[in-house]
Amino acid sequence: METKNYVPQPMDTSDVKLPKELEQLAEQISKNVHEVWAETRISQGWTYGEQRNDELKTHPCLVPYEELPEEEKEYDRNTSIGTLKLIMKLGFNILSISEAASDKTAGSGRKLP
């Protein structure tokens, strides 16, 4: 079997500061990331188990997000925060519906749906 020399190269978003108002969104995304992961595992026949066992398909993280150990939540947060920062780095603005509506009525000149 040939060894792969894969070197991950995510886009550098270290210069992007996540605005305070997006922190709650990041946490909601983190929870959803876990929910999608858990739904996929369960659909593949995995169940909760105190220890991860690939043969028996048991995993200790098949619990609600709120019951995860903090280090597991941090893994999901890194994914959501990294995604939000990438969106911003690529030049997109993230606006709540109320922010978008006020921009629209303020005549900012930007086209919104």
C-alpha atoms as a PDB file:
ATOM      1  CA  MET A   1       0.000   0.000   0.000  1.00  0.00           C
ATOM      2  CA  GLU A   2       1.398   3.376  -1.047  1.00  0.00           C
ATOM      3  CA  THR A   3       1.748   6.022   1.656  1.00  0.00           C
ATOM      4  CA  LYS A   4       0.019   9.282   0.791  1.00  0.00           C
ATOM      5  CA  ASN A   5       1.802  12.513   1.588  1.00  0.00           C
ATOM      6  CA  TYR A   6      -1.322  14.621   1.849  1.00  0.00           C
ATOM      7  CA  VAL A   7      -0.714  18.007   3.466  1.00  0.00           C
ATOM      8  CA  PRO A   8      -3.946  19.873   4.304  1.00  0.00           C
ATOM      9  CA  GLN A   9      -3.940  23.479   3.103  1.00  0.00           C
ATOM     10  CA  PRO A  10      -7.002  25.266   4.439  1.00  0.00           C
ATOM     11  CA  MET A  11      -7.331  28.907   3.467  1.00  0.00           C
ATOM     12  CA  ASP A  12      -5.668  31.123   6.060  1.00  0.00           C
ATOM     13  CA  THR A  13      -8.412  33.011   7.877  1.00  0.00           C
ATOM     14  CA  SER A  14      -6.274  34.129  10.818  1.00  0.00           C
ATOM     15  CA  ASP A  15      -6.719  37.751   9.717  1.00  0.00           C
ATOM     16  CA  VAL A  16     -10.522  37.507   9.907  1.00  0.00           C
ATOM     17  CA  LYS A  17     -12.139  38.609  13.164  1.00  0.00           C
ATOM     18  CA  LEU A  18     -15.537  37.059  13.764  1.00  0.00           C
ATOM     19  CA  PRO A  19     -17.925  39.840  14.826  1.00  0.00           C
ATOM     20  CA  LYS A  20     -19.409  39.452  18.307  1.00  0.00           C
ATOM     21  CA  GLU A  21     -22.932  39.274  16.839  1.00  0.00           C
ATOM     22  CA  LEU A  22     -21.994  36.073  14.954  1.00  0.00           C
ATOM     23  CA  GLU A  23     -20.871  34.153  18.042  1.00  0.00           C
ATOM     24  CA  GLN A  24     -24.398  32.873  18.730  1.00  0.00           C
ATOM     25  CA  LEU A  25     -24.738  31.857  15.071  1.00  0.00           C
ATOM     26  CA  ALA A  26     -21.429  29.973  15.335  1.00  0.00           C
ATOM     27  CA  GLU A  27     -22.758  28.034  18.344  1.00  0.00           C
ATOM     28  CA  GLN A  28     -26.016  27.202  16.520  1.00  0.00           C
ATOM     29  CA  ILE A  29     -24.004  25.956  13.547  1.00  0.00           C
ATOM     30  CA  SER A  30     -21.807  23.912  15.903  1.00  0.00           C
ATOM     31  CA  LYS A  31     -24.861  22.192  17.326  1.00  0.00           C
ATOM     32  CA  ASN A  32     -26.180  21.498  13.832  1.00  0.00           C
ATOM     33  CA  VAL A  33     -22.803  20.096  12.721  1.00  0.00           C
ATOM     34  CA  HIS A  34     -23.070  17.607  15.584  1.00  0.00           C
ATOM     35  CA  GLU A  35     -26.698  16.803  14.753  1.00  0.00           C
ATOM     36  CA  VAL A  36     -25.835  16.085  11.100  1.00  0.00           C
ATOM     37  CA  TRP A  37     -22.886  13.907  12.153  1.00  0.00           C
ATOM     38  CA  ALA A  38     -25.036  11.990  14.676  1.00  0.00           C
ATOM     39  CA  GLU A  39     -27.898  11.530  12.195  1.00  0.00           C
ATOM     40  CA  THR A  40     -25.460  10.124   9.643  1.00  0.00           C
ATOM     41  CA  ARG A  41     -23.891   7.733  12.157  1.00  0.00           C
ATOM     42  CA  ILE A  42     -27.270   6.501  13.371  1.00  0.00           C
ATOM     43  CA  SER A  43     -28.424   5.946   9.773  1.00  0.00           C
ATOM     44  CA  GLN A  44     -25.281   3.820   9.300  1.00  0.00           C
ATOM     45  CA  GLY A  45     -26.282   1.620  12.244  1.00  0.00           C
ATOM     46  CA  TRP A  46     -24.215   3.232  15.001  1.00  0.00           C
ATOM     47  CA  THR A  47     -25.559   3.466  18.555  1.00  0.00           C
ATOM     48  CA  TYR A  48     -24.431   5.049  21.797  1.00  0.00           C
ATOM     49  CA  GLY A  49     -21.724   3.230  23.705  1.00  0.00           C
ATOM     50  CA  GLU A  50     -19.412   4.300  26.509  1.00  0.00           C
ATOM     51  CA  GLN A  51     -16.418   3.464  24.304  1.00  0.00           C
ATOM     52  CA  ARG A  52     -15.984   3.912  20.570  1.00  0.00           C
ATOM     53  CA  ASN A  53     -15.988   0.502  18.922  1.00  0.00           C
ATOM     54  CA  ASP A  54     -15.888   0.464  15.135  1.00  0.00           C
ATOM     55  CA  GLU A  55     -16.733  -3.227  14.968  1.00  0.00           C
ATOM     56  CA  LEU A  56     -19.830  -2.898  17.183  1.00  0.00           C
ATOM     57  CA  LYS A  57     -20.562   0.575  15.802  1.00  0.00           C
ATOM     58  CA  THR A  58     -20.829   2.244  19.190  1.00  0.00           C
ATOM     59  CA  HIS A  59     -19.742   5.800  19.944  1.00  0.00           C
ATOM     60  CA  PRO A  60     -19.817   7.862  23.160  1.00  0.00           C
ATOM     61  CA  CYS A  61     -20.641  11.097  21.282  1.00  0.00           C
ATOM     62  CA  LEU A  62     -24.056   9.893  20.121  1.00  0.00           C
ATOM     63  CA  VAL A  63     -25.706  12.156  22.669  1.00  0.00           C
ATOM     64  CA  PRO A  64     -27.336  15.590  22.404  1.00  0.00           C
ATOM     65  CA  TYR A  65     -24.870  18.422  21.778  1.00  0.00           C
ATOM     66  CA  GLU A  66     -25.493  19.839  25.245  1.00  0.00           C
ATOM     67  CA  GLU A  67     -24.255  16.571  26.793  1.00  0.00           C
ATOM     68  CA  LEU A  68     -20.988  16.436  24.848  1.00  0.00           C
ATOM     69  CA  PRO A  69     -17.721  16.944  26.690  1.00  0.00           C
ATOM     70  CA  GLU A  70     -16.347  20.456  26.141  1.00  0.00           C
ATOM     71  CA  GLU A  71     -13.460  19.201  23.970  1.00  0.00           C
ATOM     72  CA  GLU A  72     -15.971  17.615  21.556  1.00  0.00           C
ATOM     73  CA  LYS A  73     -18.003  20.824  21.412  1.00  0.00           C
ATOM     74  CA  GLU A  74     -14.771  22.699  20.681  1.00  0.00           C
ATOM     75  CA  TYR A  75     -14.169  20.460  17.646  1.00  0.00           C
ATOM     76  CA  ASP A  76     -17.604  21.421  16.254  1.00  0.00           C
ATOM     77  CA  ARG A  77     -17.011  25.102  17.119  1.00  0.00           C
ATOM     78  CA  ASN A  78     -13.733  25.104  15.199  1.00  0.00           C
ATOM     79  CA  THR A  79     -15.633  23.827  12.160  1.00  0.00           C
ATOM     80  CA  SER A  80     -18.390  26.435  12.393  1.00  0.00           C
ATOM     81  CA  ILE A  81     -16.107  29.362  13.199  1.00  0.00           C
ATOM     82  CA  GLY A  82     -13.718  28.335  10.425  1.00  0.00           C
ATOM     83  CA  THR A  83     -16.603  28.180   7.965  1.00  0.00           C
ATOM     84  CA  LEU A  84     -17.957  31.593   8.963  1.00  0.00           C
ATOM     85  CA  LYS A  85     -14.476  33.122   8.703  1.00  0.00           C
ATOM     86  CA  LEU A  86     -13.984  31.569   5.269  1.00  0.00           C
ATOM     87  CA  ILE A  87     -17.303  33.018   4.071  1.00  0.00           C
ATOM     88  CA  MET A  88     -16.152  36.451   5.236  1.00  0.00           C
ATOM     89  CA  LYS A  89     -12.651  36.019   3.765  1.00  0.00           C
ATOM     90  CA  LEU A  90     -14.232  35.229   0.401  1.00  0.00           C
ATOM     91  CA  GLY A  91     -15.982  38.622   0.498  1.00  0.00           C
ATOM     92  CA  PHE A  92     -19.467  37.719   1.630  1.00  0.00           C
ATOM     93  CA  ASN A  93     -21.405  39.591   4.302  1.00  0.00           C
ATOM     94  CA  ILE A  94     -23.441  37.678   6.837  1.00  0.00           C
ATOM     95  CA  LEU A  95     -26.528  39.648   7.820  1.00  0.00           C
ATOM     96  CA  SER A  96     -29.512  38.721   9.951  1.00  0.00           C
ATOM     97  CA  ILE A  97     -32.922  39.197   8.367  1.00  0.00           C
ATOM     98  CA  SER A  98     -33.449  42.367  10.425  1.00  0.00           C
ATOM     99  CA  GLU A  99     -30.060  43.763   9.337  1.00  0.00           C
ATOM    100  CA  ALA A 100     -30.795  42.958   5.714  1.00  0.00           C
ATOM    101  CA  ALA A 101     -34.205  44.626   5.959  1.00  0.00           C
ATOM    102  CA  SER A 102     -32.738  47.788   7.484  1.00  0.00           C
ATOM    103  CA  ASP A 103     -30.048  47.874   4.778  1.00  0.00           C
ATOM    104  CA  LYS A 104     -32.744  47.533   2.141  1.00  0.00           C
ATOM    105  CA  THR A 105     -34.824  50.380   3.554  1.00  0.00           C
ATOM    106  CA  ALA A 106     -31.750  52.572   4.110  1.00  0.00           C
ATOM    107  CA  GLY A 107     -31.122  52.607   0.378  1.00  0.00           C
ATOM    108  CA  SER A 108     -27.637  51.206   0.620  1.00  0.00           C
ATOM    109  CA  GLY A 109     -27.601  50.436  -3.078  1.00  0.00           C
ATOM    110  CA  ARG A 110     -26.922  46.744  -2.514  1.00  0.00           C
ATOM    111  CA  LYS A 111     -29.371  44.343  -4.095  1.00  0.00           C
ATOM    112  CA  LEU A 112     -30.901  41.986  -1.567  1.00  0.00           C
ATOM    113  CA  PRO A 113     -33.334  39.171  -2.206  1.00  0.00           C
END
